[in-house]
Amino acid sequence: MQKKILFCASTVSHIKNFHLPYLKVFHEQGYEIWVAANKTESIPYADHVVALPFDKKLVSLSNVKAIFTASRFLRKQKFDIVSTHTTLSSAVIRAAIIFLRKKPTVYCTSHGYLFSENDGFKKWIYLLPEKICSHVTDVLMVMNHEDYDIAVKHKIYRDRLCFINGMGIDLKKFHPVPEEERLALKKEQGFSENDFLFVYAAEFSKRKNQRLLINAFAEAAGKHPDMKLLLAGNGLLLDECKELASRLHMKNNILFLGYIDDMQNLYSICNACVTTSNIEGLPFNVMEAIACGLPVIASNIKGHRELVKSGKTGYLFEKTNQRELESRLEQAYSSRKFWMEHSGSVAETMRPFDITQVLPEIMSIYHLS
């Protein structure tokens, strides 16, 4: 009988952005592949895509309903393997599995716990569901060392805990470009050779904290008018951030690009990357920027600390400290020659995260290598 595997995530885009290489391998292994996400949509290598009624708020009546809906679905389909991703869908699906008599083998990948050890009461809002679901979490995969320590301390898995280098990035696609090419591309996009371009690609949200960056950047750009900030992405706070930039007289220095589906081309014209996120697991935007040889100015949080080493791949700042962020922006600006000369060594730090290395390592965890 053909084996069946279910991949689940809160959004279809998460599956498409990070998991297609894994679906492809399971497809080649002869599995019948199902995906459960927020909507039905065609996904390469997936035989079936189903929608489950996830609510963005973790503790909600809708998610309780989703647990029982998922349980009926799982009982009917009788999957051999369930692979869970993203905090919300992972909690709902694993909670649903608790109610099954015959349980599939569950591989849970944490893309970053939404808490740290020092978060007090907030920690337990997210940790308690992990504790409850740990009894059906046969294998837990984490992608930064602080989350690994959390998993060990609180034993939020049943059989195995595995450390992975993210889901893998394509270093054939993300790589440094020669400075001459960067200058030519900047001119093509309407920038001058002297413009120093920072980039931040993220959904506009409280978690990604673009307001802090806009305020800090306005102060720095007031001293250095050739600094430009390119903000890629959409989100609920986009209009609010545009209004803030306008009030700070930054219309010519802060550019809102909308959703960008070809980040390599954007990184190719930029001089540095910045991220002000409040919490991360192992962020792809940071890995991609470093792979392109860009220094990254990043908030000092887990996930960022895994990738950004001060003076080697960028600079860290305390996540609420606007003055320190402003200083780090100016530091990257004044050190452009240093970072230009070291772009190759910056990019080389991403070698262990290459999809050609990560894919077989993760598939060996599934016992399919």
Protein backbone atom coordinates (compact mmCIF):
# COMPACT_ATOMS: atom_id res chain seq x y z
CA MET A 1 0.00 0.00 0.00
CA GLN A 2 1.25 3.50 -0.87
CA LYS A 3 2.51 5.41 2.16
CA LYS A 4 0.96 8.79 2.97
CA ILE A 5 2.54 11.91 4.44
CA LEU A 6 0.90 15.14 5.57
CA PHE A 7 2.80 18.46 5.60
CA CYS A 8 1.01 21.18 7.52
CA ALA A 9 1.67 24.89 7.97
CA SER A 10 -0.38 27.97 8.78
CA THR A 11 -0.10 29.27 5.21
CA VAL A 12 0.31 27.82 1.74
CA SER A 13 3.09 30.35 1.10
CA HIS A 14 5.16 28.82 3.91
CA ILE A 15 5.04 25.43 2.20
CA LYS A 16 5.87 26.92 -1.19
CA ASN A 17 8.71 29.07 0.13
CA PHE A 18 10.50 26.51 2.29
CA HIS A 19 9.38 22.93 1.72
CA LEU A 20 9.07 22.16 -2.00
CA PRO A 21 12.46 20.37 -2.11
CA TYR A 22 11.24 18.06 0.65
CA LEU A 23 7.89 17.40 -1.03
CA LYS A 24 9.84 16.55 -4.17
CA VAL A 25 11.96 13.91 -2.39
CA PHE A 26 8.91 12.30 -0.78
CA HIS A 27 7.21 12.33 -4.19
CA GLU A 28 10.22 10.55 -5.70
CA GLN A 29 10.06 8.03 -2.84
CA GLY A 30 6.53 7.14 -3.93
CA TYR A 31 4.60 8.81 -1.10
CA GLU A 32 1.09 10.16 -1.51
CA ILE A 33 1.58 13.76 -0.40
CA TRP A 34 -1.03 15.86 1.37
CA VAL A 35 -0.75 19.47 2.52
CA ALA A 36 -2.96 21.16 5.12
CA ALA A 37 -2.81 24.94 5.33
CA ASN A 38 -5.03 28.02 5.45
CA LYS A 39 -6.51 27.54 1.97
CA THR A 40 -6.66 25.15 -0.96
CA GLU A 41 -4.22 26.00 -3.73
CA SER A 42 -2.17 24.03 -6.21
CA ILE A 43 1.25 23.11 -4.76
CA PRO A 44 3.98 21.33 -6.74
CA TYR A 45 4.41 17.64 -5.81
CA ALA A 46 1.31 17.69 -3.57
CA ASP A 47 -1.41 15.21 -4.51
CA HIS A 48 -3.98 16.86 -2.25
CA VAL A 49 -4.25 20.26 -0.55
CA VAL A 50 -6.86 20.83 2.16
CA ALA A 51 -7.83 23.94 4.11
CA LEU A 52 -8.14 23.93 7.90
CA PRO A 53 -9.77 26.83 9.81
CA PHE A 54 -6.72 28.16 11.66
CA ASP A 55 -7.12 31.36 13.68
CA LYS A 56 -4.03 33.57 13.98
CA LYS A 57 -4.66 33.93 17.70
CA LEU A 58 -3.23 30.79 19.30
CA VAL A 59 -5.80 30.58 22.12
CA SER A 60 -9.19 30.89 20.45
CA LEU A 61 -12.48 29.03 20.07
CA SER A 62 -11.81 28.72 16.32
CA ASN A 63 -8.62 26.78 16.97
CA VAL A 64 -10.42 24.45 19.39
CA LYS A 65 -12.87 23.77 16.56
CA ALA A 66 -9.95 23.29 14.17
CA ILE A 67 -8.47 20.63 16.47
CA PHE A 68 -11.60 18.48 16.23
CA THR A 69 -11.93 19.12 12.48
CA ALA A 70 -8.31 18.06 12.03
CA SER A 71 -8.80 14.99 14.22
CA ARG A 72 -11.67 13.74 12.05
CA PHE A 73 -9.59 14.40 8.93
CA LEU A 74 -6.56 12.56 10.31
CA ARG A 75 -8.66 9.61 11.49
CA LYS A 76 -10.13 9.23 8.00
CA GLN A 77 -6.88 9.57 6.03
CA LYS A 78 -4.65 7.39 8.24
CA PHE A 79 -1.30 9.05 7.49
CA ASP A 80 1.96 7.22 8.07
CA ILE A 81 3.90 10.45 8.69
CA VAL A 82 2.81 13.93 9.75
CA SER A 83 5.30 16.77 9.33
CA THR A 84 4.27 19.92 11.22
CA HIS A 85 5.54 23.47 10.66
CA THR A 86 4.78 26.93 12.09
CA THR A 87 3.63 27.41 15.68
CA LEU A 88 -0.12 27.60 15.14
CA SER A 89 -0.72 24.74 12.71
CA SER A 90 1.79 22.56 14.51
CA ALA A 91 -0.08 22.98 17.80
CA VAL A 92 -3.49 22.35 16.23
CA ILE A 93 -2.44 19.25 14.27
CA ARG A 94 -0.50 17.68 17.14
CA ALA A 95 -3.36 18.36 19.55
CA ALA A 96 -5.67 16.62 17.07
CA ILE A 97 -3.35 13.60 16.96
CA ILE A 98 -3.70 13.18 20.74
CA PHE A 99 -7.29 12.04 20.15
CA LEU A 100 -6.34 9.34 17.62
CA ARG A 101 -6.16 5.69 18.64
CA LYS A 102 -3.70 4.83 15.87
CA LYS A 103 -1.19 7.67 15.67
CA PRO A 104 1.11 8.57 12.77
CA THR A 105 4.80 9.22 13.31
CA VAL A 106 5.05 12.96 14.01
CA TYR A 107 8.02 15.07 12.92
CA CYS A 108 7.69 18.59 14.28
CA THR A 109 9.95 21.33 12.95
CA SER A 110 10.18 24.44 15.09
CA HIS A 111 10.91 27.48 12.95
CA GLY A 112 11.52 29.44 16.13
CA TYR A 113 9.69 29.34 19.45
CA LEU A 114 7.81 32.59 20.02
CA PHE A 115 9.30 32.96 23.48
CA SER A 116 12.61 32.94 25.33
CA GLU A 117 13.47 31.58 28.75
CA ASN A 118 13.34 35.04 30.34
CA ASP A 119 9.87 35.97 29.03
CA GLY A 120 8.06 35.26 32.29
CA PHE A 121 4.32 34.53 32.03
CA LYS A 122 4.30 35.04 28.25
CA LYS A 123 6.61 32.05 27.94
CA TRP A 124 3.94 29.70 29.30
CA ILE A 125 1.32 30.82 26.78
CA TYR A 126 3.45 29.21 24.10
CA LEU A 127 5.31 26.61 26.16
CA LEU A 128 2.23 24.94 27.63
CA PRO A 129 0.87 23.79 24.22
CA GLU A 130 4.35 22.42 23.42
CA LYS A 131 4.35 20.48 26.71
CA ILE A 132 0.88 19.07 26.02
CA CYS A 133 1.83 18.05 22.47
CA SER A 134 5.22 16.64 23.43
CA HIS A 135 3.70 13.19 24.03
CA VAL A 136 2.89 12.83 20.31
CA THR A 137 6.02 14.62 19.04
CA ASP A 138 8.13 11.64 18.05
CA VAL A 139 10.89 13.77 16.51
CA LEU A 140 11.51 17.47 17.15
CA MET A 141 13.77 19.52 14.88
CA VAL A 142 15.03 22.94 16.00
CA MET A 143 17.20 25.43 14.15
CA ASN A 144 18.94 27.58 16.73
CA HIS A 145 20.87 26.61 19.83
CA GLU A 146 18.73 28.57 22.26
CA ASP A 147 15.61 26.72 21.12
CA TYR A 148 17.57 23.48 21.45
CA ASP A 149 18.31 24.33 25.08
CA ILE A 150 14.62 25.13 25.67
CA ALA A 151 13.59 21.78 24.18
CA VAL A 152 16.07 19.92 26.39
CA LYS A 153 15.16 21.79 29.58
CA HIS A 154 11.41 21.34 29.17
CA LYS A 155 11.53 17.95 27.35
CA ILE A 156 9.06 19.01 24.66
CA TYR A 157 9.57 15.96 22.47
CA ARG A 158 9.05 12.24 22.97
CA ASP A 159 11.87 10.29 21.29
CA ARG A 160 14.41 12.41 19.40
CA LEU A 161 15.63 16.00 19.35
CA CYS A 162 17.59 17.05 16.26
CA PHE A 163 19.44 20.25 15.46
CA ILE A 164 19.17 21.41 11.82
CA ASN A 165 20.64 24.35 9.89
CA GLY A 166 17.26 25.72 8.87
CA MET A 167 15.48 24.35 5.80
CA GLY A 168 18.36 25.26 3.46
CA ILE A 169 19.01 28.20 1.13
CA ASP A 170 20.06 28.07 -2.51
CA LEU A 171 23.62 29.42 -2.67
CA LYS A 172 23.55 29.11 -6.45
CA LYS A 173 20.89 31.80 -6.40
CA PHE A 174 22.08 33.92 -3.44
CA HIS A 175 25.71 34.98 -3.78
CA PRO A 176 27.80 38.17 -3.90
CA VAL A 177 28.08 40.19 -7.10
CA PRO A 178 31.24 42.09 -8.17
CA GLU A 179 31.22 45.72 -7.08
CA GLU A 180 31.28 46.93 -10.68
CA GLU A 181 28.10 44.98 -11.36
CA ARG A 182 26.48 46.33 -8.18
CA LEU A 183 27.17 49.91 -9.27
CA ALA A 184 25.80 49.27 -12.75
CA LEU A 185 22.63 47.70 -11.33
CA LYS A 186 22.17 50.62 -8.92
CA LYS A 187 22.32 53.05 -11.83
CA GLU A 188 19.77 50.97 -13.75
CA GLN A 189 17.40 51.27 -10.78
CA GLY A 190 17.80 55.04 -10.63
CA PHE A 191 20.26 55.28 -7.72
CA SER A 192 23.59 57.07 -7.76
CA GLU A 193 26.94 55.39 -7.15
CA ASN A 194 27.24 57.15 -3.79
CA ASP A 195 23.84 56.05 -2.47
CA PHE A 196 24.25 53.61 0.43
CA LEU A 197 21.31 51.23 0.31
CA PHE A 198 19.97 49.36 3.33
CA VAL A 199 17.32 46.67 2.80
CA TYR A 200 14.77 45.04 5.11
CA ALA A 201 12.39 42.42 3.70
CA ALA A 202 9.59 41.49 6.09
CA GLU A 203 5.87 41.63 6.67
CA PHE A 204 4.88 44.97 8.20
CA SER A 205 3.88 43.95 11.72
CA LYS A 206 4.61 44.62 15.39
CA ARG A 207 6.82 41.55 15.46
CA LYS A 208 9.01 42.83 12.62
CA ASN A 209 9.11 46.29 14.25
CA GLN A 210 9.64 48.54 11.22
CA ARG A 211 8.62 51.60 13.26
CA LEU A 212 11.80 51.40 15.33
CA LEU A 213 13.88 51.18 12.16
CA ILE A 214 12.14 54.10 10.47
CA ASN A 215 12.68 56.35 13.50
CA ALA A 216 16.33 55.38 13.85
CA PHE A 217 17.00 55.62 10.14
CA ALA A 218 15.50 59.11 9.95
CA GLU A 219 18.03 60.29 12.53
CA ALA A 220 20.96 58.67 10.72
CA ALA A 221 19.89 59.80 7.25
CA GLY A 222 19.53 63.34 8.56
CA LYS A 223 23.32 63.32 8.93
CA HIS A 224 24.00 61.26 5.79
CA PRO A 225 21.50 62.16 3.03
CA ASP A 226 22.91 59.53 0.65
CA MET A 227 21.60 56.76 2.94
CA LYS A 228 18.51 55.06 1.54
CA LEU A 229 16.29 52.41 3.13
CA LEU A 230 14.45 49.91 0.92
CA LEU A 231 11.55 48.23 2.70
CA ALA A 232 10.14 45.17 0.93
CA GLY A 233 6.90 43.52 1.94
CA ASN A 234 3.25 44.12 2.74
CA GLY A 235 1.24 43.80 5.94
CA LEU A 236 -1.26 45.39 8.29
CA LEU A 237 1.10 48.17 9.42
CA LEU A 238 2.30 49.19 5.95
CA ASP A 239 0.19 52.35 5.69
CA GLU A 240 1.05 53.35 9.25
CA CYS A 241 4.76 53.03 8.45
CA LYS A 242 4.36 55.06 5.26
CA GLU A 243 2.71 57.85 7.24
CA LEU A 244 5.52 57.78 9.81
CA ALA A 245 8.16 58.08 7.09
CA SER A 246 6.26 61.00 5.59
CA ARG A 247 6.00 62.79 8.95
CA LEU A 248 9.74 62.40 9.40
CA HIS A 249 10.34 63.93 5.93
CA MET A 250 11.89 60.67 4.68
CA LYS A 251 9.89 60.20 1.46
CA ASN A 252 13.06 60.44 -0.61
CA ASN A 253 15.16 58.27 1.69
CA ILE A 254 12.75 55.48 2.67
CA LEU A 255 11.23 53.56 -0.22
CA PHE A 256 8.36 51.08 0.15
CA LEU A 257 8.70 48.41 -2.52
CA GLY A 258 5.77 46.10 -1.78
CA TYR A 259 6.13 42.35 -2.10
CA ILE A 260 9.33 41.31 -3.91
CA ASP A 261 9.58 37.80 -5.34
CA ASP A 262 13.15 38.14 -6.59
CA MET A 263 15.20 39.13 -3.57
CA GLN A 264 18.53 38.21 -5.19
CA ASN A 265 18.19 41.14 -7.59
CA LEU A 266 17.32 43.48 -4.74
CA TYR A 267 20.27 42.34 -2.61
CA SER A 268 22.50 42.85 -5.64
CA ILE A 269 22.06 46.63 -5.51
CA CYS A 270 22.24 46.98 -1.71
CA ASN A 271 25.15 47.65 0.63
CA ALA A 272 23.74 46.30 3.89
CA CYS A 273 20.75 44.51 5.36
CA VAL A 274 18.92 45.42 8.55
CA THR A 275 16.35 43.59 10.66
CA THR A 276 14.55 44.88 13.74
CA SER A 277 12.46 41.77 14.40
CA ASN A 278 11.48 41.03 18.00
CA ILE A 279 11.67 37.24 17.71
CA GLU A 280 12.97 34.77 15.13
CA GLY A 281 13.98 31.15 14.66
CA LEU A 282 16.55 31.18 11.88
CA PRO A 283 15.42 33.95 9.51
CA PHE A 284 15.73 33.35 5.77
CA ASN A 285 16.02 37.06 5.00
CA VAL A 286 19.16 37.29 7.13
CA MET A 287 20.67 34.12 5.66
CA GLU A 288 19.99 35.27 2.11
CA ALA A 289 21.48 38.71 2.72
CA ILE A 290 24.64 37.24 4.29
CA ALA A 291 24.90 34.74 1.42
CA CYS A 292 24.93 37.77 -0.89
CA GLY A 293 27.88 39.18 1.07
CA LEU A 294 25.93 41.92 2.85
CA PRO A 295 26.62 42.84 6.46
CA VAL A 296 23.48 42.62 8.60
CA ILE A 297 22.48 45.01 11.37
CA ALA A 298 20.22 42.87 13.56
CA SER A 299 18.33 43.04 16.83
CA ASN A 300 20.08 41.00 19.51
CA ILE A 301 17.64 38.07 19.72
CA LYS A 302 17.90 34.30 19.35
CA GLY A 303 18.05 33.35 15.71
CA HIS A 304 19.87 36.56 14.86
CA ARG A 305 22.62 35.70 17.34
CA GLU A 306 22.98 32.39 15.51
CA LEU A 307 23.89 34.15 12.25
CA VAL A 308 25.19 37.66 12.96
CA LYS A 309 28.63 37.84 14.54
CA SER A 310 29.73 41.40 15.30
CA GLY A 311 32.51 42.55 13.02
CA LYS A 312 32.34 39.33 10.96
CA THR A 313 28.87 39.23 9.43
CA GLY A 314 27.43 42.49 10.74
CA TYR A 315 26.41 44.12 14.02
CA LEU A 316 23.90 43.44 16.78
CA PHE A 317 21.92 46.03 18.76
CA GLU A 318 19.58 45.71 21.74
CA LYS A 319 16.12 45.31 20.22
CA THR A 320 14.48 48.31 21.93
CA ASN A 321 17.47 50.65 21.74
CA GLN A 322 16.81 53.13 18.94
CA ARG A 323 19.98 55.10 19.66
CA GLU A 324 22.14 51.98 19.36
CA LEU A 325 20.42 50.98 16.12
CA GLU A 326 21.09 54.45 14.73
CA SER A 327 24.76 54.06 15.68
CA ARG A 328 24.96 50.64 14.00
CA LEU A 329 23.47 52.04 10.79
CA GLU A 330 26.11 54.76 10.75
CA GLN A 331 28.80 52.20 11.55
CA ALA A 332 27.87 50.11 8.51
CA TYR A 333 27.71 53.26 6.39
CA SER A 334 31.18 54.44 7.44
CA SER A 335 32.67 50.94 7.01
CA ARG A 336 31.48 50.34 3.45
CA LYS A 337 35.00 49.73 2.12
CA PHE A 338 35.67 47.07 4.78
CA TRP A 339 32.46 45.19 4.03
CA MET A 340 32.98 45.46 0.29
CA GLU A 341 36.42 43.87 0.65
CA HIS A 342 35.10 41.10 2.93
CA SER A 343 31.87 40.23 1.10
CA GLY A 344 33.30 36.86 0.07
CA SER A 345 34.18 35.81 3.61
CA VAL A 346 30.79 37.04 4.85
CA ALA A 347 29.02 34.90 2.25
CA GLU A 348 31.17 31.86 3.04
CA THR A 349 29.66 31.66 6.55
CA MET A 350 26.42 30.46 4.92
CA ARG A 351 28.02 27.34 3.41
CA PRO A 352 26.63 24.99 6.12
CA PHE A 353 23.12 26.30 5.37
CA ASP A 354 23.21 25.42 1.66
CA ILE A 355 20.20 23.37 0.57
CA THR A 356 22.55 20.79 -0.96
CA GLN A 357 23.84 20.04 2.55
CA VAL A 358 20.71 20.61 4.61
CA LEU A 359 18.29 18.60 2.45
CA PRO A 360 20.07 15.22 2.80
CA GLU A 361 20.65 15.84 6.52
CA ILE A 362 16.95 16.44 7.15
CA MET A 363 15.87 13.55 4.94
CA SER A 364 18.18 11.27 6.93
CA ILE A 365 16.18 12.26 10.01
CA TYR A 366 13.10 10.97 8.18
CA HIS A 367 15.12 7.80 7.42
CA LEU A 368 14.81 8.40 3.71
CA SER A 369 18.36 9.32 2.70
